PDB file of N, CA and C in Angstrom:
ATOM      1  N   MET A   1     -10.742 184.029   5.861  1.00  0.00           N
ATOM      2  CA  MET A   1     -10.340 185.103   4.972  1.00  0.00           C
ATOM      3  C   MET A   1      -9.228 184.584   4.051  1.00  0.00           C
ATOM      4  N   ASP A   2      -9.317 184.987   2.801  1.00  0.00           N
ATOM      5  CA  ASP A   2      -8.402 184.472   1.794  1.00  0.00           C
ATOM      6  C   ASP A   2      -7.133 185.293   1.604  1.00  0.00           C
ATOM      7  N   HIS A   3      -7.170 186.564   1.997  1.00  0.00           N
ATOM      8  CA  HIS A   3      -6.035 187.458   1.749  1.00  0.00           C
ATOM      9  C   HIS A   3      -5.621 188.131   3.054  1.00  0.00           C
ATOM     10  N   GLU A   4      -4.310 188.437   3.144  1.00  0.00           N
ATOM     11  CA  GLU A   4      -3.802 189.034   4.376  1.00  0.00           C
ATOM     12  C   GLU A   4      -2.644 189.966   4.071  1.00  0.00           C
ATOM     13  N   ALA A   5      -2.577 191.061   4.812  1.00  0.00           N
ATOM     14  CA  ALA A   5      -1.448 191.990   4.740  1.00  0.00           C
ATOM     15  C   ALA A   5      -0.975 192.243   6.167  1.00  0.00           C
ATOM     16  N   VAL A   6       0.329 192.240   6.355  1.00  0.00           N
ATOM     17  CA  VAL A   6       0.922 192.449   7.676  1.00  0.00           C
ATOM     18  C   VAL A   6       1.859 193.647   7.589  1.00  0.00           C
ATOM     19  N   PHE A   7       1.638 194.609   8.490  1.00  0.00           N
ATOM     20  CA  PHE A   7       2.464 195.815   8.540  1.00  0.00           C
ATOM     21  C   PHE A   7       3.161 195.872   9.884  1.00  0.00           C
ATOM     22  N   GLU A   8       4.476 196.031   9.867  1.00  0.00           N
ATOM     23  CA  GLU A   8       5.249 196.205  11.098  1.00  0.00           C
ATOM     24  C   GLU A   8       5.710 197.652  11.178  1.00  0.00           C
ATOM     25  N   CYS A   9       5.309 198.307  12.238  1.00  0.00           N
ATOM     26  CA  CYS A   9       5.670 199.704  12.465  1.00  0.00           C
ATOM     27  C   CYS A   9       6.646 199.746  13.626  1.00  0.00           C
ATOM     28  N   GLU A  10       7.860 200.221  13.361  1.00  0.00           N
ATOM     29  CA  GLU A  10       8.879 200.285  14.407  1.00  0.00           C
ATOM     30  C   GLU A  10       9.023 201.723  14.887  1.00  0.00           C
ATOM     31  N   TYR A  11       9.105 201.870  16.208  1.00  0.00           N
ATOM     32  CA  TYR A  11       9.191 203.171  16.855  1.00  0.00           C
ATOM     33  C   TYR A  11      10.498 203.281  17.631  1.00  0.00           C
ATOM     34  N   PRO A  12      10.894 204.497  17.973  1.00  0.00           N
ATOM     35  CA  PRO A  12      12.154 204.686  18.702  1.00  0.00           C
ATOM     36  C   PRO A  12      12.181 203.997  20.066  1.00  0.00           C
ATOM     37  N   ASP A  13      10.992 203.842  20.678  1.00  0.00           N
ATOM     38  CA  ASP A  13      10.943 203.185  21.983  1.00  0.00           C
ATOM     39  C   ASP A  13       9.582 202.521  22.176  1.00  0.00           C
ATOM     40  N   ALA A  14       9.500 201.644  23.163  1.00  0.00           N
ATOM     41  CA  ALA A  14       8.283 200.884  23.428  1.00  0.00           C
ATOM     42  C   ALA A  14       7.127 201.777  23.858  1.00  0.00           C
ATOM     43  N   GLU A  15       7.420 202.877  24.524  1.00  0.00           N
ATOM     44  CA  GLU A  15       6.353 203.777  24.979  1.00  0.00           C
ATOM     45  C   GLU A  15       5.607 204.391  23.803  1.00  0.00           C
ATOM     46  N   ARG A  16       6.323 204.796  22.772  1.00  0.00           N
ATOM     47  CA  ARG A  16       5.652 205.366  21.594  1.00  0.00           C
ATOM     48  C   ARG A  16       4.811 204.311  20.886  1.00  0.00           C
ATOM     49  N   ALA A  17       5.334 203.111  20.777  1.00  0.00           N
ATOM     50  CA  ALA A  17       4.557 202.026  20.165  1.00  0.00           C
ATOM     51  C   ALA A  17       3.314 201.732  20.984  1.00  0.00           C
ATOM     52  N   ARG A  18       3.430 201.776  22.293  1.00  0.00           N
ATOM     53  CA  ARG A  18       2.289 201.517  23.169  1.00  0.00           C
ATOM     54  C   ARG A  18       1.215 202.585  22.999  1.00  0.00           C
ATOM     55  N   ARG A  19       1.636 203.847  22.863  1.00  0.00           N
ATOM     56  CA  ARG A  19       0.680 204.935  22.686  1.00  0.00           C
ATOM     57  C   ARG A  19      -0.116 204.785  21.389  1.00  0.00           C
ATOM     58  N   VAL A  20       0.576 204.448  20.312  1.00  0.00           N
ATOM     59  CA  VAL A  20      -0.108 204.251  19.030  1.00  0.00           C
ATOM     60  C   VAL A  20      -1.047 203.050  19.131  1.00  0.00           C
ATOM     61  N   GLU A  21      -0.573 201.981  19.732  1.00  0.00           N
ATOM     62  CA  GLU A  21      -1.405 200.787  19.897  1.00  0.00           C
ATOM     63  C   GLU A  21      -2.677 201.113  20.668  1.00  0.00           C
ATOM     64  N   ARG A  22      -2.537 201.802  21.780  1.00  0.00           N
ATOM     65  CA  ARG A  22      -3.706 202.132  22.605  1.00  0.00           C
ATOM     66  C   ARG A  22      -4.666 203.062  21.878  1.00  0.00           C
ATOM     67  N   ALA A  23      -4.135 203.948  21.061  1.00  0.00           N
ATOM     68  CA  ALA A  23      -4.994 204.884  20.336  1.00  0.00           C
ATOM     69  C   ALA A  23      -5.857 204.185  19.289  1.00  0.00           C
ATOM     70  N   ILE A  24      -5.322 203.158  18.639  1.00  0.00           N
ATOM     71  CA  ILE A  24      -6.087 202.513  17.570  1.00  0.00           C
ATOM     72  C   ILE A  24      -6.757 201.215  18.001  1.00  0.00           C
ATOM     73  N   ALA A  25      -6.373 200.657  19.129  1.00  0.00           N
ATOM     74  CA  ALA A  25      -6.941 199.380  19.580  1.00  0.00           C
ATOM     75  C   ALA A  25      -8.446 199.461  19.793  1.00  0.00           C
ATOM     76  N   VAL A  26      -8.950 200.627  20.155  1.00  0.00           N
ATOM     77  CA  VAL A  26     -10.394 200.774  20.379  1.00  0.00           C
ATOM     78  C   VAL A  26     -11.195 200.560  19.098  1.00  0.00           C
ATOM     79  N   GLU A  27     -10.542 200.662  17.950  1.00  0.00           N
ATOM     80  CA  GLU A  27     -11.226 200.487  16.670  1.00  0.00           C
ATOM     81  C   GLU A  27     -11.330 199.025  16.245  1.00  0.00           C
ATOM     82  N   VAL A  28     -10.514 198.154  16.812  1.00  0.00           N
ATOM     83  CA  VAL A  28     -10.572 196.739  16.452  1.00  0.00           C
ATOM     84  C   VAL A  28     -11.950 196.212  16.830  1.00  0.00           C
ATOM     85  N   GLY A  29     -12.623 195.625  15.878  1.00  0.00           N
ATOM     86  CA  GLY A  29     -13.965 195.105  16.112  1.00  0.00           C
ATOM     87  C   GLY A  29     -15.061 196.102  15.807  1.00  0.00           C
ATOM     88  N   ASP A  30     -14.768 197.406  15.892  1.00  0.00           N
ATOM     89  CA  ASP A  30     -15.792 198.416  15.638  1.00  0.00           C
ATOM     90  C   ASP A  30     -15.936 198.772  14.164  1.00  0.00           C
ATOM     91  N   ILE A  31     -14.830 198.783  13.427  1.00  0.00           N
ATOM     92  CA  ILE A  31     -14.922 199.219  12.036  1.00  0.00           C
ATOM     93  C   ILE A  31     -14.794 198.064  11.047  1.00  0.00           C
ATOM     94  N   GLU A  32     -14.743 196.869  11.554  1.00  0.00           N
ATOM     95  CA  GLU A  32     -14.632 195.714  10.665  1.00  0.00           C
ATOM     96  C   GLU A  32     -15.999 195.372  10.093  1.00  0.00           C
ATOM     97  N   GLY A  33     -15.995 194.779   8.934  1.00  0.00           N
ATOM     98  CA  GLY A  33     -17.232 194.344   8.303  1.00  0.00           C
ATOM     99  C   GLY A  33     -17.214 192.842   8.108  1.00  0.00           C
ATOM    100  N   ASP A  34     -18.093 192.380   7.245  1.00  0.00           N
ATOM    101  CA  ASP A  34     -18.164 190.952   6.947  1.00  0.00           C
ATOM    102  C   ASP A  34     -16.980 190.490   6.110  1.00  0.00           C
ATOM    103  N   ARG A  35     -16.318 191.442   5.447  1.00  0.00           N
ATOM    104  CA  ARG A  35     -15.255 191.071   4.510  1.00  0.00           C
ATOM    105  C   ARG A  35     -13.850 191.313   5.028  1.00  0.00           C
ATOM    106  N   THR A  36     -13.680 192.040   6.137  1.00  0.00           N
ATOM    107  CA  THR A  36     -12.340 192.313   6.661  1.00  0.00           C
ATOM    108  C   THR A  36     -12.292 192.172   8.177  1.00  0.00           C
ATOM    109  N   THR A  37     -11.099 191.838   8.656  1.00  0.00           N
ATOM    110  CA  THR A  37     -10.810 191.849  10.088  1.00  0.00           C
ATOM    111  C   THR A  37      -9.402 192.412  10.268  1.00  0.00           C
ATOM    112  N   ALA A  38      -9.139 192.881  11.471  1.00  0.00           N
ATOM    113  CA  ALA A  38      -7.805 193.405  11.764  1.00  0.00           C
ATOM    114  C   ALA A  38      -7.414 193.000  13.179  1.00  0.00           C
ATOM    115  N   THR A  39      -6.119 192.780  13.366  1.00  0.00           N
ATOM    116  CA  THR A  39      -5.584 192.486  14.691  1.00  0.00           C
ATOM    117  C   THR A  39      -4.346 193.343  14.913  1.00  0.00           C
ATOM    118  N   LEU A  40      -4.072 193.617  16.174  1.00  0.00           N
ATOM    119  CA  LEU A  40      -2.879 194.365  16.570  1.00  0.00           C
ATOM    120  C   LEU A  40      -2.054 193.503  17.499  1.00  0.00           C
ATOM    121  N   ASP A  41      -0.756 193.657  17.411  1.00  0.00           N
ATOM    122  CA  ASP A  41       0.154 192.982  18.323  1.00  0.00           C
ATOM    123  C   ASP A  41       1.354 193.908  18.515  1.00  0.00           C
ATOM    124  N   ARG A  42       1.819 193.996  19.744  1.00  0.00           N
ATOM    125  CA  ARG A  42       2.990 194.834  20.001  1.00  0.00           C
ATOM    126  C   ARG A  42       4.030 194.023  20.744  1.00  0.00           C
ATOM    127  N   ASP A  43       5.254 194.115  20.267  1.00  0.00           N
ATOM    128  CA  ASP A  43       6.397 193.488  20.922  1.00  0.00           C
ATOM    129  C   ASP A  43       7.444 194.577  21.110  1.00  0.00           C
ATOM    130  N   GLY A  44       7.475 195.131  22.302  1.00  0.00           N
ATOM    131  CA  GLY A  44       8.414 196.225  22.574  1.00  0.00           C
ATOM    132  C   GLY A  44       8.094 197.430  21.728  1.00  0.00           C
ATOM    133  N   ALA A  45       9.043 197.848  20.904  1.00  0.00           N
ATOM    134  CA  ALA A  45       8.890 199.049  20.090  1.00  0.00           C
ATOM    135  C   ALA A  45       8.318 198.761  18.703  1.00  0.00           C
ATOM    136  N   THR A  46       7.846 197.542  18.475  1.00  0.00           N
ATOM    137  CA  THR A  46       7.290 197.169  17.173  1.00  0.00           C
ATOM    138  C   THR A  46       5.800 196.877  17.302  1.00  0.00           C
ATOM    139  N   LEU A  47       5.007 197.583  16.519  1.00  0.00           N
ATOM    140  CA  LEU A  47       3.564 197.364  16.457  1.00  0.00           C
ATOM    141  C   LEU A  47       3.267 196.668  15.138  1.00  0.00           C
ATOM    142  N   THR A  48       2.544 195.559  15.216  1.00  0.00           N
ATOM    143  CA  THR A  48       2.170 194.810  14.019  1.00  0.00           C
ATOM    144  C   THR A  48       0.667 194.918  13.814  1.00  0.00           C
ATOM    145  N   VAL A  49       0.296 195.347  12.616  1.00  0.00           N
ATOM    146  CA  VAL A  49      -1.111 195.438  12.224  1.00  0.00           C
ATOM    147  C   VAL A  49      -1.331 194.399  11.132  1.00  0.00           C
ATOM    148  N   THR A  50      -2.266 193.481  11.377  1.00  0.00           N
ATOM    149  CA  THR A  50      -2.588 192.449  10.400  1.00  0.00           C
ATOM    150  C   THR A  50      -4.018 192.663   9.922  1.00  0.00           C
ATOM    151  N   VAL A  51      -4.169 192.793   8.617  1.00  0.00           N
ATOM    152  CA  VAL A  51      -5.480 192.976   8.004  1.00  0.00           C
ATOM    153  C   VAL A  51      -5.764 191.744   7.166  1.00  0.00           C
ATOM    154  N   ALA A  52      -6.904 191.105   7.402  1.00  0.00           N
ATOM    155  CA  ALA A  52      -7.323 189.941   6.625  1.00  0.00           C
ATOM    156  C   ALA A  52      -8.622 190.281   5.922  1.00  0.00           C
ATOM    157  N   ALA A  53      -8.785 189.771   4.705  1.00  0.00           N
ATOM    158  CA  ALA A  53      -9.980 190.100   3.934  1.00  0.00           C
ATOM    159  C   ALA A  53     -10.395 188.939   3.043  1.00  0.00           C
ATOM    160  N   ALA A  54     -11.655 188.967   2.686  1.00  0.00           N
ATOM    161  CA  ALA A  54     -12.215 187.925   1.835  1.00  0.00           C
ATOM    162  C   ALA A  54     -11.819 188.113   0.370  1.00  0.00           C
ATOM    163  N   ASP A  55     -11.545 189.357  -0.032  1.00  0.00           N
ATOM    164  CA  ASP A  55     -11.180 189.625  -1.420  1.00  0.00           C
ATOM    165  C   ASP A  55     -10.195 190.795  -1.459  1.00  0.00           C
ATOM    166  N   LEU A  56      -9.604 190.991  -2.625  1.00  0.00           N
ATOM    167  CA  LEU A  56      -8.561 192.015  -2.746  1.00  0.00           C
ATOM    168  C   LEU A  56      -9.090 193.438  -2.601  1.00  0.00           C
ATOM    169  N   VAL A  57     -10.304 193.699  -3.040  1.00  0.00           N
ATOM    170  CA  VAL A  57     -10.873 195.040  -2.895  1.00  0.00           C
ATOM    171  C   VAL A  57     -11.045 195.365  -1.410  1.00  0.00           C
ATOM    172  N   ALA A  58     -11.561 194.417  -0.652  1.00  0.00           N
ATOM    173  CA  ALA A  58     -11.732 194.613   0.790  1.00  0.00           C
ATOM    174  C   ALA A  58     -10.384 194.729   1.490  1.00  0.00           C
ATOM    175  N   LEU A  59      -9.386 193.979   1.022  1.00  0.00           N
ATOM    176  CA  LEU A  59      -8.047 194.060   1.618  1.00  0.00           C
ATOM    177  C   LEU A  59      -7.468 195.459   1.419  1.00  0.00           C
ATOM    178  N   ARG A  60      -7.600 195.991   0.224  1.00  0.00           N
ATOM    179  CA  ARG A  60      -7.089 197.333  -0.040  1.00  0.00           C
ATOM    180  C   ARG A  60      -7.784 198.368   0.829  1.00  0.00           C
ATOM    181  N   ALA A  61      -9.092 198.274   0.944  1.00  0.00           N
ATOM    182  CA  ALA A  61      -9.838 199.216   1.779  1.00  0.00           C
ATOM    183  C   ALA A  61      -9.427 199.081   3.245  1.00  0.00           C
ATOM    184  N   GLY A  62      -9.280 197.846   3.706  1.00  0.00           N
ATOM    185  CA  GLY A  62      -8.863 197.623   5.091  1.00  0.00           C
ATOM    186  C   GLY A  62      -7.466 198.153   5.367  1.00  0.00           C
ATOM    187  N   CYS A  63      -6.554 197.933   4.439  1.00  0.00           N
ATOM    188  CA  CYS A  63      -5.181 198.442   4.597  1.00  0.00           C
ATOM    189  C   CYS A  63      -5.183 199.967   4.646  1.00  0.00           C
ATOM    190  N   ASN A  64      -5.933 200.599   3.748  1.00  0.00           N
ATOM    191  CA  ASN A  64      -6.012 202.066   3.747  1.00  0.00           C
ATOM    192  C   ASN A  64      -6.547 202.576   5.080  1.00  0.00           C
ATOM    193  N   THR A  65      -7.588 201.938   5.578  1.00  0.00           N
ATOM    194  CA  THR A  65      -8.191 202.360   6.844  1.00  0.00           C
ATOM    195  C   THR A  65      -7.197 202.250   7.985  1.00  0.00           C
ATOM    196  N   TRP A  66      -6.574 201.092   8.135  1.00  0.00           N
ATOM    197  CA  TRP A  66      -5.693 200.866   9.286  1.00  0.00           C
ATOM    198  C   TRP A  66      -4.409 201.660   9.193  1.00  0.00           C
ATOM    199  N   LEU A  67      -3.862 201.818   8.007  1.00  0.00           N
ATOM    200  CA  LEU A  67      -2.660 202.637   7.884  1.00  0.00           C
ATOM    201  C   LEU A  67      -2.969 204.106   8.144  1.00  0.00           C
ATOM    202  N   SER A  68      -4.156 204.549   7.769  1.00  0.00           N
ATOM    203  CA  SER A  68      -4.571 205.926   8.080  1.00  0.00           C
ATOM    204  C   SER A  68      -4.716 206.119   9.582  1.00  0.00           C
ATOM    205  N   LEU A  69      -5.299 205.143  10.269  1.00  0.00           N
ATOM    206  CA  LEU A  69      -5.440 205.236  11.722  1.00  0.00           C
ATOM    207  C   LEU A  69      -4.074 205.294  12.404  1.00  0.00           C
ATOM    208  N   VAL A  70      -3.144 204.479  11.944  1.00  0.00           N
ATOM    209  CA  VAL A  70      -1.791 204.505  12.511  1.00  0.00           C
ATOM    210  C   VAL A  70      -1.153 205.867  12.271  1.00  0.00           C
ATOM    211  N   SER A  71      -1.297 206.387  11.073  1.00  0.00           N
ATOM    212  CA  SER A  71      -0.705 207.685  10.740  1.00  0.00           C
ATOM    213  C   SER A  71      -1.264 208.806  11.613  1.00  0.00           C
ATOM    214  N   VAL A  72      -2.564 208.819  11.812  1.00  0.00           N
ATOM    215  CA  VAL A  72      -3.183 209.850  12.651  1.00  0.00           C
ATOM    216  C   VAL A  72      -2.701 209.719  14.092  1.00  0.00           C
ATOM    217  N   ALA A  73      -2.631 208.494  14.599  1.00  0.00           N
ATOM    218  CA  ALA A  73      -2.153 208.282  15.967  1.00  0.00           C
ATOM    219  C   ALA A  73      -0.704 208.741  16.119  1.00  0.00           C
ATOM    220  N   GLU A  74       0.121 208.469  15.109  1.00  0.00           N
ATOM    221  CA  GLU A  74       1.516 208.927  15.154  1.00  0.00           C
ATOM    222  C   GLU A  74       1.593 210.450  15.147  1.00  0.00           C
ATOM    223  N   ASP A  75       0.809 211.085  14.278  1.00  0.00           N
ATOM    224  CA  ASP A  75       0.813 212.548  14.189  1.00  0.00           C
ATOM    225  C   ASP A  75       0.350 213.177  15.504  1.00  0.00           C
ATOM    226  N   CYS A  76      -0.695 212.631  16.088  1.00  0.00           N
ATOM    227  CA  CYS A  76      -1.194 213.163  17.359  1.00  0.00           C
ATOM    228  C   CYS A  76      -0.159 212.985  18.471  1.00  0.00           C
ATOM    229  N   GLY A  77       0.493 211.837  18.477  1.00  0.00           N
ATOM    230  CA  GLY A  77       1.533 211.593  19.473  1.00  0.00           C
ATOM    231  C   GLY A  77       2.708 212.537  19.311  1.00  0.00           C
ATOM    232  N   ALA A  78       3.084 212.814  18.064  1.00  0.00           N
ATOM    233  CA  ALA A  78       4.184 213.738  17.807  1.00  0.00           C
ATOM    234  C   ALA A  78       3.810 215.154  18.225  1.00  0.00           C
ATOM    235  N   ALA A  79       2.567 215.541  17.965  1.00  0.00           N
ATOM    236  CA  ALA A  79       2.126 216.880  18.348  1.00  0.00           C
ATOM    237  C   ALA A  79       2.090 217.019  19.861  1.00  0.00           C
ATOM    238  N   ALA A  80       1.638 215.983  20.560  1.00  0.00           N
ATOM    239  CA  ALA A  80       1.583 216.033  22.019  1.00  0.00           C
ATOM    240  C   ALA A  80       2.984 216.083  22.625  1.00  0.00           C
ATOM    241  N   ALA A  81       3.922 215.371  22.009  1.00  0.00           N
ATOM    242  CA  ALA A  81       5.288 215.356  22.517  1.00  0.00           C
ATOM    243  C   ALA A  81       5.984 216.699  22.303  1.00  0.00           C
ATOM    244  N   ALA A  82       5.553 217.433  21.262  1.00  0.00           N
ATOM    245  CA  ALA A  82       6.174 218.728  20.962  1.00  0.00           C
ATOM    246  C   ALA A  82       5.733 219.829  21.929  1.00  0.00           C
ATOM    247  N   ASP A  83       4.592 219.633  22.569  1.00  0.00           N
ATOM    248  CA  ASP A  83       4.080 220.655  23.503  1.00  0.00           C
ATOM    249  C   ASP A  83       4.821 220.667  24.808  1.00  0.00           C
TER     250      ASP A  83
END
């Protein structure tokens, strides 16, 4: 892959980062195509999402997809914590 974007998401604690990681990890490998790949890595309270793509259009689409997944996982986690 020729292009790459790396996003570091920092959370108040490692448990919240772990919850987001577990929520989106099931998508790794399932939603990737021939032009994009994604990897997740967590170090304590920091979740790193790396999106690699063959071209800039695919990179933008991959970034939108993965950032949306992170956002939904965060929102769901916040809603569950509020109950």
